[in-house]
């Protein structure tokens, strides 16, 4: 774990480009002041950014890369709660209480973060109500996503859950090409199965069937191309 080589200038460019939603309402002068308070760190793939039950004192923003928020059962099974990408944050539970972390966060690839202590972040919230509203809005969205995820697991069929997950990934990580929507998957096949609470073999079989039906095409382990978006949407809504 090393200090980020890019430093404050690179972080300021990100913030000014409004890639961090909670800072999108701030002007350049205010952003410049914030960068003086930020600590920068980088993590390699597989590194742990936060350990469940830790008592932290900072809010952490993903500046580059992606990570997963996870819990582990007593028998070691992984449950993925969220996939965190550029602009997402975590550690909000440390801001106003001594609550311990309810999940761990692990890097899915090389990750650069911006770190603000809760003391400095509280000052920021007091001076910029717009940021406080953005934080509340994002936490509300996160609850909705979690509720939808739980609903998918409890109610929808496996085919529908997989279809919805692929559509979610296409919106976040997809790029339109002549062949279809190219999606760089943030999770492995095993990670996706853990996210949906199904067996890895089931996930592999269902994805193979989607390929046979020419709904998707795999290009290695990390990329799929959605060939028939309408069919995938139909599947996700079943």
C-alpha atoms as a PDB file:
ATOM      1  CA  UNK A   1       0.000   0.000   0.000  1.00  0.00           C
ATOM      2  CA  UNK A   2       1.743   3.189  -1.176  1.00  0.00           C
ATOM      3  CA  UNK A   3       0.889   6.861  -1.282  1.00  0.00           C
ATOM      4  CA  UNK A   4      -0.703   7.720  -4.587  1.00  0.00           C
ATOM      5  CA  UNK A   5       1.847   9.119  -7.034  1.00  0.00           C
ATOM      6  CA  UNK A   6      -0.739  11.311  -8.730  1.00  0.00           C
ATOM      7  CA  UNK A   7      -1.250  13.478  -5.656  1.00  0.00           C
ATOM      8  CA  UNK A   8      -3.749  16.275  -5.181  1.00  0.00           C
ATOM      9  CA  UNK A   9      -3.634  17.646  -8.728  1.00  0.00           C
ATOM     10  CA  UNK A  10      -4.939  14.403 -10.201  1.00  0.00           C
ATOM     11  CA  UNK A  11      -7.591  14.172  -7.500  1.00  0.00           C
ATOM     12  CA  UNK A  12      -8.629  17.779  -8.143  1.00  0.00           C
ATOM     13  CA  UNK A  13      -9.028  17.022 -11.850  1.00  0.00           C
ATOM     14  CA  UNK A  14     -11.339  14.140 -10.953  1.00  0.00           C
ATOM     15  CA  UNK A  15     -13.391  16.265  -8.591  1.00  0.00           C
ATOM     16  CA  UNK A  16     -13.608  19.167 -11.035  1.00  0.00           C
ATOM     17  CA  UNK A  17     -14.797  16.737 -13.698  1.00  0.00           C
ATOM     18  CA  UNK A  18     -17.615  15.828 -11.274  1.00  0.00           C
ATOM     19  CA  UNK A  19     -16.693  12.147 -11.309  1.00  0.00           C
ATOM     20  CA  UNK A  20     -17.357  12.097  -7.565  1.00  0.00           C
ATOM     21  CA  UNK A  21     -21.114  12.746  -7.309  1.00  0.00           C
ATOM     22  CA  UNK A  22     -21.120  13.996  -3.722  1.00  0.00           C
ATOM     23  CA  UNK A  23     -18.797  16.870  -4.714  1.00  0.00           C
ATOM     24  CA  UNK A  24     -20.569  17.779  -7.947  1.00  0.00           C
ATOM     25  CA  UNK A  25     -22.174  20.961  -6.553  1.00  0.00           C
ATOM     26  CA  UNK A  26     -18.898  22.562  -5.434  1.00  0.00           C
ATOM     27  CA  UNK A  27     -16.987  25.265  -7.273  1.00  0.00           C
ATOM     28  CA  UNK A  28     -13.293  25.106  -8.154  1.00  0.00           C
ATOM     29  CA  UNK A  29     -12.163  27.148  -5.148  1.00  0.00           C
ATOM     30  CA  UNK A  30     -13.963  24.899  -2.681  1.00  0.00           C
ATOM     31  CA  UNK A  31     -12.678  21.771  -4.422  1.00  0.00           C
ATOM     32  CA  UNK A  32      -9.137  23.082  -4.178  1.00  0.00           C
ATOM     33  CA  UNK A  33      -9.550  23.516  -0.427  1.00  0.00           C
ATOM     34  CA  UNK A  34     -10.827  19.953  -0.087  1.00  0.00           C
ATOM     35  CA  UNK A  35      -7.806  18.473  -1.844  1.00  0.00           C
ATOM     36  CA  UNK A  36      -5.565  19.882   0.910  1.00  0.00           C
ATOM     37  CA  UNK A  37      -7.401  17.670   3.413  1.00  0.00           C
ATOM     38  CA  UNK A  38      -7.343  14.462   1.362  1.00  0.00           C
ATOM     39  CA  UNK A  39      -4.922  11.587   1.823  1.00  0.00           C
ATOM     40  CA  UNK A  40      -4.233   9.421  -1.225  1.00  0.00           C
ATOM     41  CA  UNK A  41      -3.488   5.707  -1.217  1.00  0.00           C
ATOM     42  CA  UNK A  42      -3.365   2.879  -3.729  1.00  0.00           C
ATOM     43  CA  UNK A  43      -4.136  -0.808  -3.274  1.00  0.00           C
ATOM     44  CA  UNK A  44      -3.376  -3.825  -5.432  1.00  0.00           C
ATOM     45  CA  UNK A  45      -5.970  -6.358  -6.567  1.00  0.00           C
ATOM     46  CA  UNK A  46      -7.028  -8.499  -3.607  1.00  0.00           C
ATOM     47  CA  UNK A  47      -5.895  -6.012  -0.950  1.00  0.00           C
ATOM     48  CA  UNK A  48      -8.305  -5.303   1.902  1.00  0.00           C
ATOM     49  CA  UNK A  49      -9.333  -1.654   2.243  1.00  0.00           C
ATOM     50  CA  UNK A  50     -11.617  -2.213   5.231  1.00  0.00           C
ATOM     51  CA  UNK A  51     -12.059  -5.168   7.602  1.00  0.00           C
ATOM     52  CA  UNK A  52     -15.448  -6.094   9.033  1.00  0.00           C
ATOM     53  CA  UNK A  53     -15.833  -5.028  12.688  1.00  0.00           C
ATOM     54  CA  UNK A  54     -13.063  -2.426  12.381  1.00  0.00           C
ATOM     55  CA  UNK A  55     -13.676   0.896  14.123  1.00  0.00           C
ATOM     56  CA  UNK A  56     -12.690   3.383  11.442  1.00  0.00           C
ATOM     57  CA  UNK A  57     -12.366   7.143  11.507  1.00  0.00           C
ATOM     58  CA  UNK A  58     -12.530   8.095   7.814  1.00  0.00           C
ATOM     59  CA  UNK A  59     -14.767   8.209   4.786  1.00  0.00           C
ATOM     60  CA  UNK A  60     -13.143   6.691   1.706  1.00  0.00           C
ATOM     61  CA  UNK A  61     -13.907   7.566  -1.921  1.00  0.00           C
ATOM     62  CA  UNK A  62     -12.964   5.323  -4.844  1.00  0.00           C
ATOM     63  CA  UNK A  63     -10.897   7.562  -7.121  1.00  0.00           C
ATOM     64  CA  UNK A  64      -9.948   4.873  -9.646  1.00  0.00           C
ATOM     65  CA  UNK A  65     -10.713   1.175 -10.020  1.00  0.00           C
ATOM     66  CA  UNK A  66     -13.363  -0.942  -8.310  1.00  0.00           C
ATOM     67  CA  UNK A  67     -13.846  -2.885  -5.082  1.00  0.00           C
ATOM     68  CA  UNK A  68     -16.411  -5.167  -3.489  1.00  0.00           C
ATOM     69  CA  UNK A  69     -18.161  -4.824  -0.137  1.00  0.00           C
ATOM     70  CA  UNK A  70     -18.437  -8.341   1.317  1.00  0.00           C
ATOM     71  CA  UNK A  71     -19.359 -10.379   4.350  1.00  0.00           C
ATOM     72  CA  UNK A  72     -18.141 -13.879   5.127  1.00  0.00           C
ATOM     73  CA  UNK A  73     -20.171 -16.568   6.866  1.00  0.00           C
ATOM     74  CA  UNK A  74     -18.680 -18.735   9.619  1.00  0.00           C
ATOM     75  CA  UNK A  75     -17.936 -21.451   7.063  1.00  0.00           C
ATOM     76  CA  UNK A  76     -16.087 -18.963   4.837  1.00  0.00           C
ATOM     77  CA  UNK A  77     -18.764 -18.381   2.202  1.00  0.00           C
ATOM     78  CA  UNK A  78     -18.661 -14.964   0.579  1.00  0.00           C
ATOM     79  CA  UNK A  79     -21.680 -12.696   0.278  1.00  0.00           C
ATOM     80  CA  UNK A  80     -21.136  -9.671  -1.969  1.00  0.00           C
ATOM     81  CA  UNK A  81     -23.254  -6.700  -0.891  1.00  0.00           C
ATOM     82  CA  UNK A  82     -22.103  -3.966  -3.280  1.00  0.00           C
ATOM     83  CA  UNK A  83     -19.706  -3.386  -6.124  1.00  0.00           C
ATOM     84  CA  UNK A  84     -18.016  -0.024  -5.545  1.00  0.00           C
ATOM     85  CA  UNK A  85     -16.697   1.854  -8.550  1.00  0.00           C
ATOM     86  CA  UNK A  86     -15.183   5.244  -9.362  1.00  0.00           C
ATOM     87  CA  UNK A  87     -16.962   7.977  -7.398  1.00  0.00           C
ATOM     88  CA  UNK A  88     -18.529   5.622  -4.825  1.00  0.00           C
ATOM     89  CA  UNK A  89     -17.705   5.978  -1.133  1.00  0.00           C
ATOM     90  CA  UNK A  90     -17.840   3.923   2.038  1.00  0.00           C
ATOM     91  CA  UNK A  91     -17.162   4.403   5.743  1.00  0.00           C
ATOM     92  CA  UNK A  92     -20.207   6.608   6.243  1.00  0.00           C
ATOM     93  CA  UNK A  93     -21.122   4.565   9.348  1.00  0.00           C
ATOM     94  CA  UNK A  94     -18.087   6.062  11.096  1.00  0.00           C
ATOM     95  CA  UNK A  95     -19.173   9.679  10.653  1.00  0.00           C
ATOM     96  CA  UNK A  96     -21.659  10.184  13.454  1.00  0.00           C
ATOM     97  CA  UNK A  97     -21.218   7.198  15.753  1.00  0.00           C
ATOM     98  CA  UNK A  98     -18.694   4.651  16.975  1.00  0.00           C
ATOM     99  CA  UNK A  99     -20.376   1.958  14.904  1.00  0.00           C
ATOM    100  CA  UNK A 100     -18.029  -0.738  13.631  1.00  0.00           C
ATOM    101  CA  UNK A 101     -17.773  -1.742   9.992  1.00  0.00           C
ATOM    102  CA  UNK A 102     -20.569  -4.134   9.010  1.00  0.00           C
ATOM    103  CA  UNK A 103     -18.653  -5.479   5.993  1.00  0.00           C
ATOM    104  CA  UNK A 104     -15.181  -5.774   4.509  1.00  0.00           C
ATOM    105  CA  UNK A 105     -14.040  -4.019   1.325  1.00  0.00           C
ATOM    106  CA  UNK A 106     -11.605  -5.735  -1.057  1.00  0.00           C
ATOM    107  CA  UNK A 107      -9.986  -4.397  -4.237  1.00  0.00           C
ATOM    108  CA  UNK A 108     -11.185  -6.082  -7.460  1.00  0.00           C
ATOM    109  CA  UNK A 109      -8.304  -4.461  -9.352  1.00  0.00           C
ATOM    110  CA  UNK A 110      -5.735  -1.776  -8.601  1.00  0.00           C
ATOM    111  CA  UNK A 111      -7.611   0.886  -6.658  1.00  0.00           C
ATOM    112  CA  UNK A 112      -6.751   4.492  -5.839  1.00  0.00           C
ATOM    113  CA  UNK A 113      -8.651   6.127  -3.000  1.00  0.00           C
ATOM    114  CA  UNK A 114      -9.209   9.574  -1.511  1.00  0.00           C
ATOM    115  CA  UNK A 115      -9.470   9.490   2.274  1.00  0.00           C
ATOM    116  CA  UNK A 116     -11.031  12.153   4.500  1.00  0.00           C
ATOM    117  CA  UNK A 117     -11.086  11.834   8.295  1.00  0.00           C
ATOM    118  CA  UNK A 118     -14.518  12.087   9.877  1.00  0.00           C
ATOM    119  CA  UNK A 119     -13.465  15.280  11.685  1.00  0.00           C
ATOM    120  CA  UNK A 120     -12.682  17.022   8.394  1.00  0.00           C
ATOM    121  CA  UNK A 121     -15.688  15.523   6.617  1.00  0.00           C
ATOM    122  CA  UNK A 122     -18.042  16.764   9.342  1.00  0.00           C
ATOM    123  CA  UNK A 123     -16.656  20.260   8.852  1.00  0.00           C
ATOM    124  CA  UNK A 124     -17.248  19.881   5.139  1.00  0.00           C
ATOM    125  CA  UNK A 125     -20.861  18.808   5.677  1.00  0.00           C
ATOM    126  CA  UNK A 126     -21.458  21.789   7.981  1.00  0.00           C
ATOM    127  CA  UNK A 127     -20.073  24.279   5.476  1.00  0.00           C
ATOM    128  CA  UNK A 128     -21.679  22.676   2.401  1.00  0.00           C
ATOM    129  CA  UNK A 129     -25.274  21.491   2.933  1.00  0.00           C
ATOM    130  CA  UNK A 130     -25.390  20.421  -0.733  1.00  0.00           C
ATOM    131  CA  UNK A 131     -22.788  17.753   0.018  1.00  0.00           C
ATOM    132  CA  UNK A 132     -24.832  16.526   2.975  1.00  0.00           C
ATOM    133  CA  UNK A 133     -27.851  16.180   0.683  1.00  0.00           C
ATOM    134  CA  UNK A 134     -25.774  14.293  -1.888  1.00  0.00           C
ATOM    135  CA  UNK A 135     -24.581  11.876   0.803  1.00  0.00           C
ATOM    136  CA  UNK A 136     -28.160  11.289   1.988  1.00  0.00           C
ATOM    137  CA  UNK A 137     -29.302  10.788  -1.609  1.00  0.00           C
ATOM    138  CA  UNK A 138     -26.555   8.257  -2.325  1.00  0.00           C
ATOM    139  CA  UNK A 139     -27.220   6.324   0.892  1.00  0.00           C
ATOM    140  CA  UNK A 140     -30.904   6.210  -0.057  1.00  0.00           C
ATOM    141  CA  UNK A 141     -30.015   4.873  -3.507  1.00  0.00           C
ATOM    142  CA  UNK A 142     -27.772   2.275  -1.892  1.00  0.00           C
ATOM    143  CA  UNK A 143     -30.633   1.069   0.302  1.00  0.00           C
ATOM    144  CA  UNK A 144     -32.891   0.788  -2.741  1.00  0.00           C
ATOM    145  CA  UNK A 145     -30.247  -1.264  -4.584  1.00  0.00           C
ATOM    146  CA  UNK A 146     -29.822  -3.535  -1.579  1.00  0.00           C
ATOM    147  CA  UNK A 147     -33.590  -3.987  -1.228  1.00  0.00           C
ATOM    148  CA  UNK A 148     -33.865  -4.799  -4.933  1.00  0.00           C
ATOM    149  CA  UNK A 149     -31.029  -7.274  -4.591  1.00  0.00           C
ATOM    150  CA  UNK A 150     -32.743  -9.009  -1.684  1.00  0.00           C
ATOM    151  CA  UNK A 151     -36.012  -9.010  -3.615  1.00  0.00           C
ATOM    152  CA  UNK A 152     -34.337 -10.660  -6.605  1.00  0.00           C
ATOM    153  CA  UNK A 153     -32.912 -13.392  -4.412  1.00  0.00           C
ATOM    154  CA  UNK A 154     -36.195 -14.031  -2.622  1.00  0.00           C
ATOM    155  CA  UNK A 155     -38.702 -13.736  -5.448  1.00  0.00           C
ATOM    156  CA  UNK A 156     -37.285 -13.808  -8.965  1.00  0.00           C
ATOM    157  CA  UNK A 157     -36.162 -16.865 -10.856  1.00  0.00           C
ATOM    158  CA  UNK A 158     -32.466 -17.563 -11.354  1.00  0.00           C
ATOM    159  CA  UNK A 159     -32.740 -16.668 -15.059  1.00  0.00           C
ATOM    160  CA  UNK A 160     -34.354 -13.339 -14.184  1.00  0.00           C
ATOM    161  CA  UNK A 161     -31.737 -12.538 -11.533  1.00  0.00           C
ATOM    162  CA  UNK A 162     -28.888 -13.220 -13.937  1.00  0.00           C
ATOM    163  CA  UNK A 163     -30.566 -11.132 -16.626  1.00  0.00           C
ATOM    164  CA  UNK A 164     -31.016  -8.225 -14.214  1.00  0.00           C
ATOM    165  CA  UNK A 165     -27.411  -8.451 -13.031  1.00  0.00           C
ATOM    166  CA  UNK A 166     -26.081  -8.372 -16.593  1.00  0.00           C
ATOM    167  CA  UNK A 167     -28.307  -5.393 -17.382  1.00  0.00           C
ATOM    168  CA  UNK A 168     -27.060  -3.581 -14.259  1.00  0.00           C
ATOM    169  CA  UNK A 169     -23.465  -4.230 -15.309  1.00  0.00           C
ATOM    170  CA  UNK A 170     -24.194  -3.077 -18.859  1.00  0.00           C
ATOM    171  CA  UNK A 171     -25.439   0.285 -17.547  1.00  0.00           C
ATOM    172  CA  UNK A 172     -22.373   0.781 -15.339  1.00  0.00           C
ATOM    173  CA  UNK A 173     -19.585  -0.872 -17.323  1.00  0.00           C
ATOM    174  CA  UNK A 174     -20.903  -1.212 -20.875  1.00  0.00           C
ATOM    175  CA  UNK A 175     -19.837   0.448 -24.108  1.00  0.00           C
ATOM    176  CA  UNK A 176     -21.853   0.285 -27.314  1.00  0.00           C
ATOM    177  CA  UNK A 177     -20.078  -1.285 -30.281  1.00  0.00           C
ATOM    178  CA  UNK A 178     -21.143  -2.445 -33.728  1.00  0.00           C
ATOM    179  CA  UNK A 179     -21.615  -5.973 -32.391  1.00  0.00           C
ATOM    180  CA  UNK A 180     -23.558  -4.997 -29.277  1.00  0.00           C
ATOM    181  CA  UNK A 181     -22.866  -3.738 -25.761  1.00  0.00           C
ATOM    182  CA  UNK A 182     -19.377  -4.688 -24.615  1.00  0.00           C
ATOM    183  CA  UNK A 183     -19.349  -5.123 -20.829  1.00  0.00           C
ATOM    184  CA  UNK A 184     -16.163  -5.316 -18.773  1.00  0.00           C
ATOM    185  CA  UNK A 185     -17.319  -7.448 -15.870  1.00  0.00           C
ATOM    186  CA  UNK A 186     -16.269  -6.192 -12.415  1.00  0.00           C
ATOM    187  CA  UNK A 187     -16.728  -9.679 -10.943  1.00  0.00           C
ATOM    188  CA  UNK A 188     -15.587 -13.157 -11.904  1.00  0.00           C
ATOM    189  CA  UNK A 189     -18.130 -15.906 -12.596  1.00  0.00           C
ATOM    190  CA  UNK A 190     -17.666 -17.032  -9.012  1.00  0.00           C
ATOM    191  CA  UNK A 191     -18.120 -13.465  -7.778  1.00  0.00           C
ATOM    192  CA  UNK A 192     -21.364 -13.078  -9.722  1.00  0.00           C
ATOM    193  CA  UNK A 193     -22.686 -16.348  -8.325  1.00  0.00           C
ATOM    194  CA  UNK A 194     -21.822 -15.196  -4.789  1.00  0.00           C
ATOM    195  CA  UNK A 195     -23.534 -11.874  -5.472  1.00  0.00           C
ATOM    196  CA  UNK A 196     -26.742 -13.639  -6.529  1.00  0.00           C
ATOM    197  CA  UNK A 197     -26.539 -16.437  -3.953  1.00  0.00           C
ATOM    198  CA  UNK A 198     -26.425 -19.295  -6.470  1.00  0.00           C
ATOM    199  CA  UNK A 199     -23.948 -22.087  -7.202  1.00  0.00           C
ATOM    200  CA  UNK A 200     -21.023 -21.299  -9.483  1.00  0.00           C
ATOM    201  CA  UNK A 201     -21.925 -24.266 -11.681  1.00  0.00           C
ATOM    202  CA  UNK A 202     -25.433 -22.875 -12.104  1.00  0.00           C
ATOM    203  CA  UNK A 203     -24.068 -19.483 -13.128  1.00  0.00           C
ATOM    204  CA  UNK A 204     -21.733 -21.067 -15.700  1.00  0.00           C
ATOM    205  CA  UNK A 205     -24.531 -23.206 -17.124  1.00  0.00           C
ATOM    206  CA  UNK A 206     -26.942 -20.282 -17.418  1.00  0.00           C
ATOM    207  CA  UNK A 207     -24.355 -18.056 -19.095  1.00  0.00           C
ATOM    208  CA  UNK A 208     -23.538 -20.859 -21.535  1.00  0.00           C
ATOM    209  CA  UNK A 209     -27.239 -21.153 -22.370  1.00  0.00           C
ATOM    210  CA  UNK A 210     -27.437 -17.404 -23.031  1.00  0.00           C
ATOM    211  CA  UNK A 211     -24.503 -17.815 -25.415  1.00  0.00           C
ATOM    212  CA  UNK A 212     -26.206 -20.731 -27.173  1.00  0.00           C
ATOM    213  CA  UNK A 213     -29.339 -18.594 -27.528  1.00  0.00           C
ATOM    214  CA  UNK A 214     -27.154 -15.795 -28.973  1.00  0.00           C
ATOM    215  CA  UNK A 215     -28.190 -13.340 -26.283  1.00  0.00           C
ATOM    216  CA  UNK A 216     -24.592 -12.769 -25.168  1.00  0.00           C
ATOM    217  CA  UNK A 217     -21.087 -13.690 -26.282  1.00  0.00           C
ATOM    218  CA  UNK A 218     -18.138 -14.204 -23.940  1.00  0.00           C
ATOM    219  CA  UNK A 219     -14.736 -12.812 -24.811  1.00  0.00           C
ATOM    220  CA  UNK A 220     -12.447 -14.338 -22.212  1.00  0.00           C
ATOM    221  CA  UNK A 221     -13.314 -14.310 -18.525  1.00  0.00           C
ATOM    222  CA  UNK A 222     -13.771 -10.571 -18.031  1.00  0.00           C
ATOM    223  CA  UNK A 223     -15.740  -9.384 -21.061  1.00  0.00           C
ATOM    224  CA  UNK A 224     -19.151 -10.247 -22.445  1.00  0.00           C
ATOM    225  CA  UNK A 225     -20.936  -8.699 -25.411  1.00  0.00           C
ATOM    226  CA  UNK A 226     -24.713  -8.323 -25.132  1.00  0.00           C
ATOM    227  CA  UNK A 227     -25.953  -9.236 -28.601  1.00  0.00           C
ATOM    228  CA  UNK A 228     -29.697  -9.076 -27.909  1.00  0.00           C
ATOM    229  CA  UNK A 229     -30.461  -6.387 -25.335  1.00  0.00           C
ATOM    230  CA  UNK A 230     -34.226  -6.662 -25.816  1.00  0.00           C
ATOM    231  CA  UNK A 231     -34.139 -10.377 -25.007  1.00  0.00           C
ATOM    232  CA  UNK A 232     -32.019  -9.774 -21.923  1.00  0.00           C
ATOM    233  CA  UNK A 233     -34.404  -7.068 -20.702  1.00  0.00           C
ATOM    234  CA  UNK A 234     -37.321  -9.437 -21.240  1.00  0.00           C
ATOM    235  CA  UNK A 235     -35.495 -12.114 -19.247  1.00  0.00           C
ATOM    236  CA  UNK A 236     -34.729  -9.724 -16.392  1.00  0.00           C
ATOM    237  CA  UNK A 237     -38.385  -8.763 -16.034  1.00  0.00           C
ATOM    238  CA  UNK A 238     -39.763 -12.295 -15.855  1.00  0.00           C
END
